[in-house]
Protein backbone atom coordinates (compact mmCIF):
# COMPACT_ATOMS: atom_id res chain seq x y z
CA UNK A 1 -22.52 2.61 29.34
CA UNK A 2 -20.92 5.00 27.35
CA UNK A 3 -18.29 5.86 30.36
CA UNK A 4 -17.82 2.03 29.61
CA UNK A 5 -16.45 2.26 26.14
CA UNK A 6 -12.89 1.06 25.72
CA UNK A 7 -11.04 2.11 22.07
CA UNK A 8 -7.77 1.47 20.48
CA UNK A 9 -6.18 4.08 18.29
CA UNK A 10 -4.88 3.06 14.87
CA UNK A 11 -2.57 5.50 13.41
CA UNK A 12 -1.91 5.78 9.82
CA UNK A 13 1.18 7.41 8.59
CA UNK A 14 0.61 7.54 4.88
CA UNK A 15 2.40 9.69 2.20
CA UNK A 16 0.72 12.77 2.56
CA UNK A 17 -0.69 12.40 5.92
CA UNK A 18 -1.09 11.14 9.25
CA UNK A 19 -4.67 9.28 10.57
CA UNK A 20 -5.31 8.56 14.19
CA UNK A 21 -8.59 7.06 14.34
CA UNK A 22 -9.90 5.64 17.77
CA UNK A 23 -11.74 2.84 17.14
CA UNK A 24 -14.60 0.65 19.11
CA UNK A 25 -14.71 -3.16 19.38
CA UNK A 26 -17.47 -3.45 16.15
CA UNK A 27 -15.13 -1.49 13.96
CA UNK A 28 -16.70 2.36 14.23
CA UNK A 29 -14.53 5.05 13.94
CA UNK A 30 -15.27 6.86 17.11
CA UNK A 31 -12.80 9.35 17.05
CA UNK A 32 -10.16 10.75 14.68
CA UNK A 33 -7.61 13.73 13.83
CA UNK A 34 -5.51 14.33 10.93
CA UNK A 35 -2.52 16.07 9.50
CA UNK A 36 -0.50 16.68 6.94
CA UNK A 37 2.71 15.59 5.60
CA UNK A 38 5.57 17.92 2.94
CA UNK A 39 6.41 15.80 0.02
CA UNK A 40 9.45 17.36 -1.50
CA UNK A 41 11.16 16.69 -5.24
CA UNK A 42 14.76 18.76 -5.05
CA UNK A 43 14.64 16.83 -8.74
CA UNK A 44 13.26 14.58 -11.46
CA UNK A 45 14.09 11.72 -9.42
CA UNK A 46 14.05 12.51 -5.87
CA UNK A 47 11.06 12.40 -3.28
CA UNK A 48 11.86 13.14 0.26
CA UNK A 49 10.36 13.56 3.80
CA UNK A 50 11.58 15.28 6.98
CA UNK A 51 10.67 12.45 9.46
CA UNK A 52 10.63 14.92 12.53
CA UNK A 53 6.92 15.86 10.49
CA UNK A 54 6.10 12.36 10.94
CA UNK A 55 6.04 12.96 14.50
CA UNK A 56 4.68 16.40 14.58
CA UNK A 57 1.81 15.30 12.28
CA UNK A 58 1.20 12.30 14.35
CA UNK A 59 1.04 14.71 17.41
CA UNK A 60 -1.34 17.12 15.70
CA UNK A 61 -3.54 13.90 14.91
CA UNK A 62 -3.17 12.03 18.13
CA UNK A 63 -3.82 15.18 20.17
CA UNK A 64 -7.36 15.58 18.19
CA UNK A 65 -8.14 12.26 19.71
CA UNK A 66 -7.26 12.65 23.43
CA UNK A 67 -8.80 16.28 23.63
CA UNK A 68 -11.94 15.04 23.20
CA UNK A 69 -11.75 11.53 24.38
CA UNK A 70 -10.33 10.85 27.91
CA UNK A 71 -7.07 8.83 27.55
CA UNK A 72 -7.46 6.13 30.17
CA UNK A 73 -10.27 4.65 27.94
CA UNK A 74 -7.38 3.91 25.17
CA UNK A 75 -6.42 0.34 25.34
CA UNK A 76 -3.50 0.31 23.22
CA UNK A 77 -2.04 2.07 19.96
CA UNK A 78 -0.80 0.56 16.62
CA UNK A 79 1.05 1.72 13.50
CA UNK A 80 0.37 1.65 10.04
CA UNK A 81 3.09 3.27 8.02
CA UNK A 82 3.84 3.87 4.08
CA UNK A 83 5.86 1.11 2.84
CA UNK A 84 9.45 1.36 0.93
CA UNK A 85 9.96 5.22 2.99
CA UNK A 86 13.25 4.71 4.83
CA UNK A 87 15.21 6.96 7.27
CA UNK A 88 18.78 6.89 8.48
CA UNK A 89 19.29 8.07 12.48
CA UNK A 90 22.29 9.27 14.54
CA UNK A 91 22.69 7.74 17.82
CA UNK A 92 20.57 10.48 19.35
CA UNK A 93 18.03 9.40 17.14
CA UNK A 94 18.02 12.32 14.78
CA UNK A 95 18.03 12.36 10.93
CA UNK A 96 21.12 12.49 9.30
CA UNK A 97 19.87 12.91 5.65
CA UNK A 98 15.95 13.50 4.41
CA UNK A 99 14.54 10.15 4.03
CA UNK A 100 13.66 8.90 1.08
CA UNK A 101 9.94 7.74 0.03
CA UNK A 102 8.46 5.02 -1.74
CA UNK A 103 8.52 7.31 -4.87
CA UNK A 104 12.11 7.83 -5.07
CA UNK A 105 14.24 7.16 -8.10
CA UNK A 106 17.46 8.10 -7.64
CA UNK A 107 18.61 4.26 -7.49
CA UNK A 108 16.69 3.56 -11.15
CA UNK A 109 20.38 2.31 -12.33
CA UNK A 110 21.07 -0.21 -9.16
CA UNK A 111 18.06 -2.58 -9.85
CA UNK A 112 20.07 -4.26 -12.76
CA UNK A 113 23.04 -3.35 -10.99
CA UNK A 114 22.02 -5.54 -7.56
CA UNK A 115 20.30 -8.26 -9.50
CA UNK A 116 23.73 -8.90 -11.81
CA UNK A 117 25.30 -9.18 -8.34
CA UNK A 118 23.32 -11.12 -6.29
CA UNK A 119 21.15 -12.69 -8.84
CA UNK A 120 17.29 -11.73 -9.68
CA UNK A 121 16.12 -15.44 -9.01
CA UNK A 122 18.14 -15.25 -5.09
CA UNK A 123 16.81 -11.15 -4.49
CA UNK A 124 13.09 -12.43 -5.60
CA UNK A 125 13.21 -15.73 -3.50
CA UNK A 126 14.86 -14.17 -0.43
CA UNK A 127 12.31 -10.98 -0.20
CA UNK A 128 9.26 -12.09 -2.48
CA UNK A 129 9.81 -8.92 -4.48
CA UNK A 130 10.71 -9.39 -7.94
CA UNK A 131 13.30 -6.87 -9.18
CA UNK A 132 12.66 -3.29 -9.26
CA UNK A 133 13.49 0.42 -8.15
CA UNK A 134 10.72 1.13 -5.42
CA UNK A 135 12.02 -1.54 -2.52
CA UNK A 136 14.82 0.02 -0.13
CA UNK A 137 17.70 -2.10 -0.84
CA UNK A 138 18.40 -0.36 -3.74
CA UNK A 139 18.24 3.13 -2.44
CA UNK A 140 20.89 1.15 0.39
CA UNK A 141 22.78 0.28 -2.90
CA UNK A 142 22.83 3.60 -4.34
CA UNK A 143 24.22 4.56 -1.00
CA UNK A 144 26.78 2.00 -0.82
CA UNK A 145 28.02 3.42 -4.43
CA UNK A 146 27.38 7.11 -4.01
CA UNK A 147 26.98 7.73 -0.29
CA UNK A 148 29.18 5.65 1.65
CA UNK A 149 30.20 7.80 4.53
CA UNK A 150 25.75 8.53 5.39
CA UNK A 151 25.56 4.88 5.17
CA UNK A 152 28.29 4.11 7.34
CA UNK A 153 27.78 6.78 9.64
CA UNK A 154 23.92 5.60 10.36
CA UNK A 155 23.31 4.21 13.55
CA UNK A 156 19.70 2.89 12.55
CA UNK A 157 18.00 2.43 9.65
CA UNK A 158 14.21 2.75 9.94
CA UNK A 159 10.91 2.50 8.55
CA UNK A 160 8.06 5.25 9.22
CA UNK A 161 6.50 2.43 11.65
CA UNK A 162 10.48 1.90 13.53
CA UNK A 163 10.66 5.50 13.78
CA UNK A 164 7.14 6.71 15.24
CA UNK A 165 7.55 3.67 17.76
CA UNK A 166 10.78 5.18 18.79
CA UNK A 167 8.99 8.31 19.50
CA UNK A 168 6.43 7.05 21.46
CA UNK A 169 8.29 4.81 23.62
CA UNK A 170 11.94 5.69 23.12
CA UNK A 171 13.11 2.06 21.75
CA UNK A 172 12.65 1.71 17.83
CA UNK A 173 10.76 -1.44 17.02
CA UNK A 174 10.12 -3.41 13.22
CA UNK A 175 7.40 -5.95 12.73
CA UNK A 176 7.38 -8.19 9.85
CA UNK A 177 4.91 -6.22 7.99
CA UNK A 178 7.36 -2.84 8.26
CA UNK A 179 10.29 -4.52 7.15
CA UNK A 180 8.87 -6.80 4.73
CA UNK A 181 8.88 -4.32 2.19
CA UNK A 182 12.40 -2.74 2.57
CA UNK A 183 13.65 -5.89 0.71
CA UNK A 184 15.99 -6.89 3.08
CA UNK A 185 13.55 -9.03 4.89
CA UNK A 186 13.82 -12.54 4.67
CA UNK A 187 9.60 -14.09 4.17
CA UNK A 188 10.42 -17.40 4.90
CA UNK A 189 12.62 -17.05 8.14
CA UNK A 190 10.80 -13.88 9.21
CA UNK A 191 14.49 -12.72 9.59
CA UNK A 192 16.81 -9.57 7.95
CA UNK A 193 18.83 -11.16 5.23
CA UNK A 194 22.41 -11.76 6.10
CA UNK A 195 22.85 -12.96 2.56
CA UNK A 196 21.91 -8.95 1.61
CA UNK A 197 22.89 -7.27 4.37
CA UNK A 198 26.42 -8.74 3.94
CA UNK A 199 26.38 -7.71 0.37
CA UNK A 200 25.53 -4.19 1.26
CA UNK A 201 28.08 -4.16 3.98
CA UNK A 202 25.47 -3.29 6.55
CA UNK A 203 25.98 -4.50 10.00
CA UNK A 204 22.49 -5.82 11.18
CA UNK A 205 22.75 -3.99 14.23
CA UNK A 206 21.87 -0.87 12.63
CA UNK A 207 18.25 -2.33 12.08
CA UNK A 208 15.85 -2.46 15.07
CA UNK A 209 14.29 -5.68 16.48
CA UNK A 210 11.52 -7.98 14.43
CA UNK A 211 8.21 -8.30 16.27
CA UNK A 212 5.31 -10.38 15.15
CA UNK A 213 1.89 -8.95 14.41
CA UNK A 214 -0.40 -7.54 17.61
CA UNK A 215 2.69 -8.36 19.64
CA UNK A 216 3.40 -5.48 22.59
CA UNK A 217 6.29 -3.70 21.48
CA UNK A 218 6.77 -0.84 23.96
CA UNK A 219 4.90 2.09 26.36
CA UNK A 220 4.06 5.50 25.81
CA UNK A 221 6.91 7.20 27.30
CA UNK A 222 6.14 10.07 30.01
CA UNK A 223 7.67 12.40 27.27
CA UNK A 224 5.19 10.96 24.40
CA UNK A 225 2.33 11.33 26.91
CA UNK A 226 3.21 15.10 27.21
CA UNK A 227 3.09 15.64 23.65
CA UNK A 228 0.32 13.33 22.57
CA UNK A 229 -2.41 13.29 25.45
CA UNK A 230 -2.28 9.91 25.65
CA UNK A 231 -1.86 8.15 29.03
CA UNK A 232 1.76 7.09 30.22
CA UNK A 233 2.37 3.58 29.96
CA UNK A 234 -0.15 3.04 26.68
CA UNK A 235 0.66 -0.28 25.53
CA UNK A 236 2.01 -0.03 22.12
CA UNK A 237 1.34 -3.02 19.61
CA UNK A 238 2.76 -3.98 16.08
CA UNK A 239 0.86 -3.29 13.30
CA UNK A 240 3.15 -2.30 9.99
CA UNK A 241 2.67 -1.31 6.74
CA UNK A 242 -0.20 0.26 5.26
CA UNK A 243 -1.28 -2.17 2.43
CA UNK A 244 -0.78 -4.90 4.43
CA UNK A 245 -2.82 -3.21 7.36
CA UNK A 246 -5.43 -2.09 4.48
CA UNK A 247 -5.59 -5.92 4.07
CA UNK A 248 -6.54 -6.88 7.31
CA UNK A 249 -8.64 -3.79 7.47
CA UNK A 250 -11.38 -6.01 5.01
CA UNK A 251 -10.60 -9.00 6.03
CA UNK A 252 -8.27 -10.32 3.40
CA UNK A 253 -6.75 -13.16 6.16
CA UNK A 254 -8.46 -16.23 4.82
CA UNK A 255 -9.00 -18.04 1.50
CA UNK A 256 -11.50 -16.36 -1.24
CA UNK A 257 -11.23 -13.20 0.18
CA UNK A 258 -9.67 -10.33 -2.44
CA UNK A 259 -8.84 -7.12 -1.40
CA UNK A 260 -8.59 -4.04 -3.79
CA UNK A 261 -7.29 -0.40 -2.97
CA UNK A 262 -8.77 1.75 -5.95
CA UNK A 263 -6.54 4.46 -4.87
CA UNK A 264 -3.50 6.58 -6.01
CA UNK A 265 -1.86 3.36 -6.53
CA UNK A 266 -3.92 0.31 -7.44
CA UNK A 267 -2.97 -2.46 -5.06
CA UNK A 268 -5.26 -5.81 -5.10
CA UNK A 269 -4.23 -9.24 -3.35
CA UNK A 270 -5.11 -12.71 -2.35
CA UNK A 271 -4.17 -14.67 0.89
CA UNK A 272 -2.15 -17.75 0.16
CA UNK A 273 -0.86 -20.09 2.51
CA UNK A 274 2.53 -20.56 0.81
CA UNK A 275 5.09 -18.16 -0.63
CA UNK A 276 4.18 -18.48 -4.17
CA UNK A 277 6.80 -16.57 -6.48
CA UNK A 278 5.57 -14.96 -9.59
CA UNK A 279 6.07 -11.74 -11.73
CA UNK A 280 2.55 -11.02 -11.60
CA UNK A 281 2.62 -10.13 -7.85
CA UNK A 282 4.64 -9.11 -4.89
CA UNK A 283 4.65 -12.06 -2.28
CA UNK A 284 4.29 -10.41 1.62
CA UNK A 285 4.29 -11.57 4.69
CA UNK A 286 0.47 -11.72 6.09
CA UNK A 287 -0.58 -8.99 8.31
CA UNK A 288 -1.67 -11.54 10.85
CA UNK A 289 2.08 -13.23 10.35
CA UNK A 290 0.15 -16.44 9.07
CA UNK A 291 0.47 -17.38 5.84
CA UNK A 292 1.38 -14.63 2.73
CA UNK A 293 -0.66 -11.95 0.53
CA UNK A 294 0.18 -12.37 -3.11
CA UNK A 295 -0.36 -8.58 -3.90
CA UNK A 296 -0.96 -6.58 -7.76
CA UNK A 297 0.47 -2.91 -7.91
CA UNK A 298 0.04 -0.47 -10.77
CA UNK A 299 1.45 2.78 -9.79
CA UNK A 300 -0.65 4.31 -11.97
CA UNK A 301 -4.61 4.26 -10.57
CA UNK A 302 -6.66 6.74 -9.44
CA UNK A 303 -3.40 9.05 -10.29
CA UNK A 304 -3.78 8.03 -13.93
CA UNK A 305 -7.13 9.39 -14.06
CA UNK A 306 -6.91 12.64 -12.01
CA UNK A 307 -3.58 13.33 -14.62
CA UNK A 308 -6.44 12.79 -17.57
CA UNK A 309 -8.52 15.14 -16.50
CA UNK A 310 -5.85 17.76 -15.14
CA UNK A 311 -4.44 17.89 -19.01
CA UNK A 312 -7.47 16.58 -20.83
CA UNK A 313 -10.72 17.65 -19.64
CA UNK A 314 -10.51 21.01 -17.42
CA UNK A 315 -9.20 19.61 -14.31
CA UNK A 316 -11.07 18.46 -11.08
CA UNK A 317 -11.77 21.98 -9.39
CA UNK A 318 -15.43 21.32 -10.35
CA UNK A 319 -15.47 17.92 -9.01
CA UNK A 320 -19.17 17.37 -10.63
CA UNK A 321 -16.44 16.75 -14.00
CA UNK A 322 -16.77 12.70 -12.69
CA UNK A 323 -20.28 12.49 -12.20
CA UNK A 324 -20.65 13.82 -15.58
CA UNK A 325 -18.23 11.37 -17.06
CA UNK A 326 -19.48 8.32 -15.02
CA UNK A 327 -22.56 8.96 -16.34
CA UNK A 328 -21.73 9.18 -20.11
CA UNK A 329 -19.13 6.03 -19.73
CA UNK A 330 -21.70 4.15 -17.80
CA UNK A 331 -23.77 4.43 -21.41
CA UNK A 332 -20.64 3.14 -23.54
CA UNK A 333 -20.47 -0.48 -24.38
CA UNK A 334 -17.08 -2.75 -23.21
CA UNK A 335 -14.41 -1.89 -25.37
CA UNK A 336 -15.03 1.92 -25.39
CA UNK A 337 -16.09 1.52 -29.18
CA UNK A 338 -12.41 0.50 -29.63
CA UNK A 339 -10.54 3.14 -27.89
CA UNK A 340 -7.66 1.26 -25.92
CA UNK A 341 -5.53 2.21 -23.20
CA UNK A 342 -2.09 1.49 -21.85
CA UNK A 343 -1.85 2.77 -17.95
CA UNK A 344 1.89 2.96 -17.87
CA UNK A 345 2.21 6.64 -17.04
CA UNK A 346 4.95 6.07 -14.45
CA UNK A 347 6.27 2.67 -15.95
CA UNK A 348 5.37 -0.67 -15.46
CA UNK A 349 5.28 -2.84 -11.91
CA UNK A 350 3.72 -6.10 -12.46
CA UNK A 351 4.18 -8.19 -14.56
CA UNK A 352 6.52 -6.39 -16.96
CA UNK A 353 8.63 -4.74 -13.84
CA UNK A 354 9.71 -2.19 -16.69
CA UNK A 355 10.91 0.94 -14.97
CA UNK A 356 10.89 2.93 -18.80
CA UNK A 357 7.27 1.70 -19.79
CA UNK A 358 5.02 4.27 -20.65
CA UNK A 359 1.34 4.80 -21.39
CA UNK A 360 -0.62 5.26 -24.90
CA UNK A 361 -3.88 5.51 -26.33
CA UNK A 362 -4.56 3.32 -29.42
CA UNK A 363 -7.64 3.64 -31.92
CA UNK A 364 -8.93 6.81 -32.00
CA UNK A 365 -11.81 7.56 -34.42
CA UNK A 366 -13.73 10.73 -34.95
CA UNK A 367 -16.25 9.83 -32.30
CA UNK A 368 -14.04 9.60 -29.85
CA UNK A 369 -14.21 12.15 -26.71
CA UNK A 370 -13.25 12.36 -23.86
CA UNK A 371 -16.23 9.89 -22.06
CA UNK A 372 -14.18 7.40 -24.18
CA UNK A 373 -10.89 8.07 -23.23
CA UNK A 374 -12.21 8.30 -19.46
CA UNK A 375 -14.19 5.07 -19.60
CA UNK A 376 -11.21 3.30 -21.69
CA UNK A 377 -8.73 4.25 -18.27
CA UNK A 378 -10.46 2.76 -16.01
CA UNK A 379 -11.17 0.02 -18.26
CA UNK A 380 -7.17 -0.63 -18.65
CA UNK A 381 -6.99 -0.38 -14.97
CA UNK A 382 -9.20 -2.64 -14.53
CA UNK A 383 -7.48 -5.45 -16.41
CA UNK A 384 -4.29 -5.07 -14.94
CA UNK A 385 -5.89 -5.85 -12.04
CA UNK A 386 -7.87 -8.74 -13.28
CA UNK A 387 -5.23 -10.42 -14.95
CA UNK A 388 -2.98 -10.31 -11.82
CA UNK A 389 -6.03 -12.08 -10.40
CA UNK A 390 -6.98 -14.67 -12.99
CA UNK A 391 -2.90 -15.73 -12.43
CA UNK A 392 -3.04 -16.27 -8.63
CA UNK A 393 -6.27 -18.38 -9.32
CA UNK A 394 -4.48 -20.15 -11.97
CA UNK A 395 -2.00 -21.12 -9.07
CA UNK A 396 -4.92 -23.14 -7.34
CA UNK A 397 -5.69 -20.20 -4.59
CA UNK A 398 -9.55 -19.20 -4.05
CA UNK A 399 -11.14 -16.17 -4.62
CA UNK A 400 -14.93 -15.72 -4.32
CA UNK A 401 -15.37 -12.15 -3.28
CA UNK A 402 -13.53 -8.90 -3.59
CA UNK A 403 -13.38 -5.96 -1.21
CA UNK A 404 -12.78 -2.45 -2.51
CA UNK A 405 -11.67 0.58 -0.75
CA UNK A 406 -9.92 3.75 -1.35
CA UNK A 407 -11.06 6.81 -3.49
CA UNK A 408 -12.06 4.78 -6.40
CA UNK A 409 -14.69 2.62 -4.72
CA UNK A 410 -16.98 5.26 -4.43
CA UNK A 411 -17.61 5.10 -8.13
CA UNK A 412 -20.11 2.63 -9.15
CA UNK A 413 -18.98 2.23 -12.87
CA UNK A 414 -15.78 0.80 -11.41
CA UNK A 415 -16.59 -1.18 -9.15
CA UNK A 416 -19.02 -2.89 -11.44
CA UNK A 417 -15.92 -2.83 -13.83
CA UNK A 418 -14.24 -4.98 -11.87
CA UNK A 419 -17.02 -7.16 -10.88
CA UNK A 420 -17.96 -7.94 -14.44
CA UNK A 421 -14.29 -8.29 -15.74
CA UNK A 422 -13.77 -10.71 -12.72
CA UNK A 423 -16.95 -12.72 -12.96
CA UNK A 424 -16.79 -12.29 -8.62
CA UNK A 425 -19.13 -10.49 -6.38
CA UNK A 426 -17.61 -6.68 -5.08
CA UNK A 427 -18.04 -5.81 -1.99
CA UNK A 428 -17.38 -1.93 -0.68
CA UNK A 429 -16.07 -1.35 2.58
CA UNK A 430 -17.95 0.45 4.77
CA UNK A 431 -14.72 2.08 6.34
CA UNK A 432 -12.80 4.48 4.06
CA UNK A 433 -9.96 4.30 6.53
CA UNK A 434 -8.76 0.32 6.16
CA UNK A 435 -5.38 0.79 7.30
CA UNK A 436 -6.20 2.82 10.13
CA UNK A 437 -8.50 -0.11 10.82
CA UNK A 438 -6.14 -2.64 10.41
CA UNK A 439 -3.60 -1.06 12.87
CA UNK A 440 -6.61 -0.71 15.14
CA UNK A 441 -7.51 -4.67 15.05
CA UNK A 442 -3.98 -5.60 15.39
CA UNK A 443 -4.00 -3.20 18.73
CA UNK A 444 -7.31 -5.30 19.51
CA UNK A 445 -6.00 -8.29 19.52
CA UNK A 446 -2.69 -7.44 21.38
CA UNK A 447 -5.26 -5.40 24.08
CA UNK A 448 -6.90 -9.42 24.42
CA UNK A 449 -10.17 -7.67 23.38
CA UNK A 450 -10.14 -10.96 20.85
CA UNK A 451 -8.43 -14.05 20.91
CA UNK A 452 -7.38 -13.79 17.03
CA UNK A 453 -7.36 -12.15 13.80
CA UNK A 454 -10.01 -13.62 12.57
CA UNK A 455 -12.48 -13.03 15.78
CA UNK A 456 -11.44 -9.41 15.51
CA UNK A 457 -12.34 -9.90 11.39
CA UNK A 458 -15.56 -10.77 12.56
CA UNK A 459 -16.16 -7.99 15.04
CA UNK A 460 -14.71 -5.26 13.53
CA UNK A 461 -14.81 -5.39 9.55
CA UNK A 462 -17.79 -3.99 7.81
CA UNK A 463 -19.28 -3.87 4.86
CA UNK A 464 -22.07 -3.06 2.63
CA UNK A 465 -24.18 -5.42 0.23
CA UNK A 466 -22.41 -7.08 -2.68
CA UNK A 467 -22.43 -5.53 -6.33
CA UNK A 468 -23.22 -8.93 -8.27
CA UNK A 469 -21.54 -9.58 -11.97
CA UNK A 470 -23.05 -9.29 -15.13
CA UNK A 471 -22.49 -12.50 -16.48
CA UNK A 472 -23.28 -11.97 -20.32
CA UNK A 473 -20.34 -9.36 -20.27
CA UNK A 474 -17.35 -11.53 -19.27
CA UNK A 475 -16.84 -12.52 -22.73
CA UNK A 476 -17.00 -9.26 -23.72
CA UNK A 477 -14.07 -8.21 -21.15
CA UNK A 478 -11.96 -11.64 -21.61
CA UNK A 479 -11.54 -10.14 -25.30
CA UNK A 480 -11.06 -6.65 -24.58
CA UNK A 481 -8.34 -8.19 -22.13
CA UNK A 482 -6.54 -9.89 -24.94
CA UNK A 483 -6.08 -6.27 -27.25
CA UNK A 484 -5.42 -4.26 -24.08
CA UNK A 485 -2.71 -6.49 -23.12
CA UNK A 486 -1.31 -6.37 -26.26
CA UNK A 487 -0.79 -2.78 -26.50
CA UNK A 488 2.39 -2.14 -24.35
CA UNK A 489 3.99 -5.84 -26.09
CA UNK A 490 3.49 -3.84 -29.49
CA UNK A 491 4.49 -0.77 -28.45
CA UNK A 492 7.51 -2.25 -26.91
CA UNK A 493 8.83 -4.64 -29.59
CA UNK A 494 8.32 -1.91 -32.12
CA UNK A 495 11.79 -0.51 -33.58
CA UNK A 496 12.90 2.63 -32.84
CA UNK A 497 12.45 4.93 -36.10
CA UNK A 498 15.51 6.04 -37.92
């Protein structure tokens, strides 16, 4: 009967908003609420948020759920958080300064400095992350150099997950996957890295306790219950990083399954039993705690395409522009009649980790138009992922099917490109909120709905039918990949003009 239905809530506190979704045992999103965050950019290099907004937005989102769902039917909550975003708090739990968001680049000079001090290979081996400006460790090094008093005054250094857990329960709690992206977490021992913290002169006591996925990390306090509408004592279970949770939400927790988020950034990954290291990916702790995820990242995914349309196609006010360009680009051959794009509009993460890399369009002719620019951009973003996946497969990792999520997954053209370029079937997730679902699955396992994450996956992950690759197109994609990859290399090695 309807009255006997039980639910778990997955809270996804992402870069621009909070979503709270009540999930049923078969992975159906039954009740939800949303509220926006504010991003503040005081200058070209700083991107900040008020941690208080994380909580006020979470209250609004949760209240929208509990206003329509009896809180006594909620068996637990878990939080998915925007990664590499960090807040410094005082002893009373108040922020000492605005939180720094993963987009922040104030520490752009610190990766080279810290790599020189500790060794790039050492940093990579401990954290699983190639040297790059995004992990919080480089902002911590910047603070040690430029704001040492602030760093020393901080009683707590928290991720969004840790902060929201504190507001819900009274005690901040970290998980392996909320800590993982900070760059100060040892992905093998599953502990805060003493070596890195000692170098930064940061006491480990400033960091919250670490917890394995799905473990019980607290209960909703009376005060938080009044604000959110949740039942006092509602269990809180460990989830963590939104990319980790998204992988869980599409079932990429076993050999053979690949996930690909065609969002603002394009992020894709493969499960690995061992912590394989390479410049072609970041190595993450698996969202189940068993094994690892090898993750490729492009900062400019759908962001690059939106930038293209906003600046050269009259903008996106009329959403029909996407339908028109999709139809026109679908009729073009692989290779966009010779037009090739390098998509590094905001620098390059894998495989070059070049903060100063830039985008380019090469091979213009008089017959090229916006449809070529659009298709060539999607081709370039697709091939960046395809080459990373090829390197993962070269390590012996199985890749049998790809599950796509994110706004770009609605594009039949883009899904076909991914399938043809990789030679793998592409499934579209039926959940548009894979991170919130992954958090919900963590709560479902913690609450005892399922004995383990694999049982939860079989019950809660829902996907559409596969789009099969066109085997006759694969060689064309391989040839295009060689040309497209060479554009960055040629531009990088070109001597400056006198």
